[in-house]
Amino acid sequence: MRLDKFLKVSRLIKRRTVAKDVSDQGRVWINGREAKASSTVKVGDELRVQFGQKIVTVRVERLAETTRKDEASGLYTLLKEESRQADDKPDWTQVT
């Protein structure tokens, strides 16, 4: 499944166009590597997404073409949620 579609279906990001933009800005990583919107997401992959001053790390548990709102969080497991200062540069080489 494409990264931008997974981010939208899982409701980590509300709209697919926004998910595409975030991915293309270099703010999403799959298993420690920078990912574009067209990157393939598989079960077991670890995603890191930077939302402004917050970095969220999740593990993909299952894939679905569509999902209901109350079931969307079942597509992933939240591993870590961290805040960072505006002047801090994230160390993307460290995969947790």
C-alpha atoms as a PDB file:
ATOM      1  CA  MET A   1       0.000   0.000   0.000  1.00  0.00           C
ATOM      2  CA  ARG A   2       1.230   3.511  -0.761  1.00  0.00           C
ATOM      3  CA  LEU A   3       2.459   5.553   2.187  1.00  0.00           C
ATOM      4  CA  ASP A   4       0.140   8.499   1.578  1.00  0.00           C
ATOM      5  CA  LYS A   5      -2.889   6.200   1.413  1.00  0.00           C
ATOM      6  CA  PHE A   6      -1.913   4.387   4.641  1.00  0.00           C
ATOM      7  CA  LEU A   7      -1.492   7.679   6.497  1.00  0.00           C
ATOM      8  CA  LYS A   8      -4.959   8.739   5.380  1.00  0.00           C
ATOM      9  CA  VAL A   9      -6.750   5.406   5.975  1.00  0.00           C
ATOM     10  CA  SER A  10      -5.158   5.069   9.432  1.00  0.00           C
ATOM     11  CA  ARG A  11      -6.161   8.657  10.160  1.00  0.00           C
ATOM     12  CA  LEU A  12      -2.673   9.612  11.244  1.00  0.00           C
ATOM     13  CA  ILE A  13      -3.152  12.419   8.708  1.00  0.00           C
ATOM     14  CA  LYS A  14      -6.625  13.633   7.795  1.00  0.00           C
ATOM     15  CA  ARG A  15      -6.315  14.062   4.023  1.00  0.00           C
ATOM     16  CA  ARG A  16      -4.345  12.156   1.411  1.00  0.00           C
ATOM     17  CA  THR A  17      -3.109  15.342  -0.256  1.00  0.00           C
ATOM     18  CA  VAL A  18      -1.731  16.528   3.086  1.00  0.00           C
ATOM     19  CA  ALA A  19      -0.128  13.088   3.618  1.00  0.00           C
ATOM     20  CA  LYS A  20       1.500  13.413   0.184  1.00  0.00           C
ATOM     21  CA  ASP A  21       2.799  16.887   0.964  1.00  0.00           C
ATOM     22  CA  VAL A  22       4.206  15.840   4.363  1.00  0.00           C
ATOM     23  CA  SER A  23       5.916  12.817   2.788  1.00  0.00           C
ATOM     24  CA  ASP A  24       7.397  14.826  -0.051  1.00  0.00           C
ATOM     25  CA  GLN A  25       8.756  17.391   2.452  1.00  0.00           C
ATOM     26  CA  GLY A  26      10.898  14.658   4.014  1.00  0.00           C
ATOM     27  CA  ARG A  27       8.973  14.458   7.292  1.00  0.00           C
ATOM     28  CA  VAL A  28       8.105  10.742   7.090  1.00  0.00           C
ATOM     29  CA  TRP A  29      10.523   7.850   7.514  1.00  0.00           C
ATOM     30  CA  ILE A  30       9.964   4.115   7.009  1.00  0.00           C
ATOM     31  CA  ASN A  31      12.346   1.859   8.933  1.00  0.00           C
ATOM     32  CA  GLY A  32      14.880   4.673   9.314  1.00  0.00           C
ATOM     33  CA  ARG A  33      14.858   5.807   5.684  1.00  0.00           C
ATOM     34  CA  GLU A  34      13.251   8.917   4.278  1.00  0.00           C
ATOM     35  CA  ALA A  35      10.089   8.003   2.399  1.00  0.00           C
ATOM     36  CA  LYS A  36       8.122   9.614  -0.396  1.00  0.00           C
ATOM     37  CA  ALA A  37       4.346   9.432  -0.816  1.00  0.00           C
ATOM     38  CA  SER A  38       4.646   6.567  -3.298  1.00  0.00           C
ATOM     39  CA  SER A  39       6.762   4.399  -0.967  1.00  0.00           C
ATOM     40  CA  THR A  40       5.327   0.993  -0.142  1.00  0.00           C
ATOM     41  CA  VAL A  41       4.175   0.299   3.418  1.00  0.00           C
ATOM     42  CA  LYS A  42       4.111  -3.303   4.685  1.00  0.00           C
ATOM     43  CA  VAL A  43       2.929  -4.916   7.906  1.00  0.00           C
ATOM     44  CA  GLY A  44       5.704  -4.647  10.495  1.00  0.00           C
ATOM     45  CA  ASP A  45       7.182  -1.428   9.102  1.00  0.00           C
ATOM     46  CA  GLU A  46       8.045   1.321  11.565  1.00  0.00           C
ATOM     47  CA  LEU A  47       6.933   4.818  10.558  1.00  0.00           C
ATOM     48  CA  ARG A  48       8.174   8.088  12.035  1.00  0.00           C
ATOM     49  CA  VAL A  49       6.115  11.155  11.220  1.00  0.00           C
ATOM     50  CA  GLN A  50       7.030  14.704  12.178  1.00  0.00           C
ATOM     51  CA  PHE A  51       4.042  16.922  12.978  1.00  0.00           C
ATOM     52  CA  GLY A  52       5.504  20.371  13.692  1.00  0.00           C
ATOM     53  CA  GLN A  53       7.215  19.993  17.089  1.00  0.00           C
ATOM     54  CA  LYS A  54       5.949  16.441  17.664  1.00  0.00           C
ATOM     55  CA  ILE A  55       7.412  13.201  16.306  1.00  0.00           C
ATOM     56  CA  VAL A  56       5.207  10.105  16.318  1.00  0.00           C
ATOM     57  CA  THR A  57       6.605   6.592  15.844  1.00  0.00           C
ATOM     58  CA  VAL A  58       4.187   3.768  14.983  1.00  0.00           C
ATOM     59  CA  ARG A  59       4.412   0.138  13.843  1.00  0.00           C
ATOM     60  CA  VAL A  60       2.107  -0.980  11.026  1.00  0.00           C
ATOM     61  CA  GLU A  61      -0.063  -3.844  12.310  1.00  0.00           C
ATOM     62  CA  ARG A  62      -2.353  -4.397   9.323  1.00  0.00           C
ATOM     63  CA  LEU A  63      -3.338  -2.851   6.018  1.00  0.00           C
ATOM     64  CA  ALA A  64      -6.832  -2.009   4.781  1.00  0.00           C
ATOM     65  CA  GLU A  65      -8.145  -0.180   1.735  1.00  0.00           C
ATOM     66  CA  THR A  66     -10.817   1.521   3.836  1.00  0.00           C
ATOM     67  CA  THR A  67     -11.673   1.575   7.506  1.00  0.00           C
ATOM     68  CA  ARG A  68     -14.201   3.069   9.865  1.00  0.00           C
ATOM     69  CA  LYS A  69     -13.111   5.850  12.172  1.00  0.00           C
ATOM     70  CA  ASP A  70     -13.343   3.716  15.316  1.00  0.00           C
ATOM     71  CA  GLU A  71     -11.238   0.945  13.722  1.00  0.00           C
ATOM     72  CA  ALA A  72      -8.512   3.159  12.209  1.00  0.00           C
ATOM     73  CA  SER A  73      -6.219   3.071  15.246  1.00  0.00           C
ATOM     74  CA  GLY A  74      -6.122  -0.742  14.955  1.00  0.00           C
ATOM     75  CA  LEU A  75      -3.998  -0.415  11.813  1.00  0.00           C
ATOM     76  CA  TYR A  76      -0.976   0.645  13.863  1.00  0.00           C
ATOM     77  CA  THR A  77       0.585   0.519  17.327  1.00  0.00           C
ATOM     78  CA  LEU A  78       1.884   3.748  18.828  1.00  0.00           C
ATOM     79  CA  LEU A  79       5.490   3.126  19.858  1.00  0.00           C
ATOM     80  CA  LYS A  80       6.639   6.598  20.825  1.00  0.00           C
ATOM     81  CA  GLU A  81       5.441  10.181  20.840  1.00  0.00           C
ATOM     82  CA  GLU A  82       8.028  12.836  21.554  1.00  0.00           C
ATOM     83  CA  SER A  83       8.275  16.601  21.539  1.00  0.00           C
ATOM     84  CA  ARG A  84      11.282  18.498  20.351  1.00  0.00           C
ATOM     85  CA  GLN A  85      12.462  22.082  20.540  1.00  0.00           C
ATOM     86  CA  ALA A  86      12.113  24.275  17.460  1.00  0.00           C
ATOM     87  CA  ASP A  87      15.900  24.478  16.987  1.00  0.00           C
ATOM     88  CA  ASP A  88      16.533  20.741  17.506  1.00  0.00           C
ATOM     89  CA  LYS A  89      17.269  18.656  14.440  1.00  0.00           C
ATOM     90  CA  PRO A  90      15.826  15.141  14.708  1.00  0.00           C
ATOM     91  CA  ASP A  91      18.314  12.265  14.589  1.00  0.00           C
ATOM     92  CA  TRP A  92      16.574  10.063  12.032  1.00  0.00           C
ATOM     93  CA  THR A  93      19.375   7.533  12.015  1.00  0.00           C
ATOM     94  CA  GLN A  94      18.248   6.265  15.419  1.00  0.00           C
ATOM     95  CA  VAL A  95      15.435   3.776  14.826  1.00  0.00           C
ATOM     96  CA  THR A  96      13.805   2.699  18.055  1.00  0.00           C
END
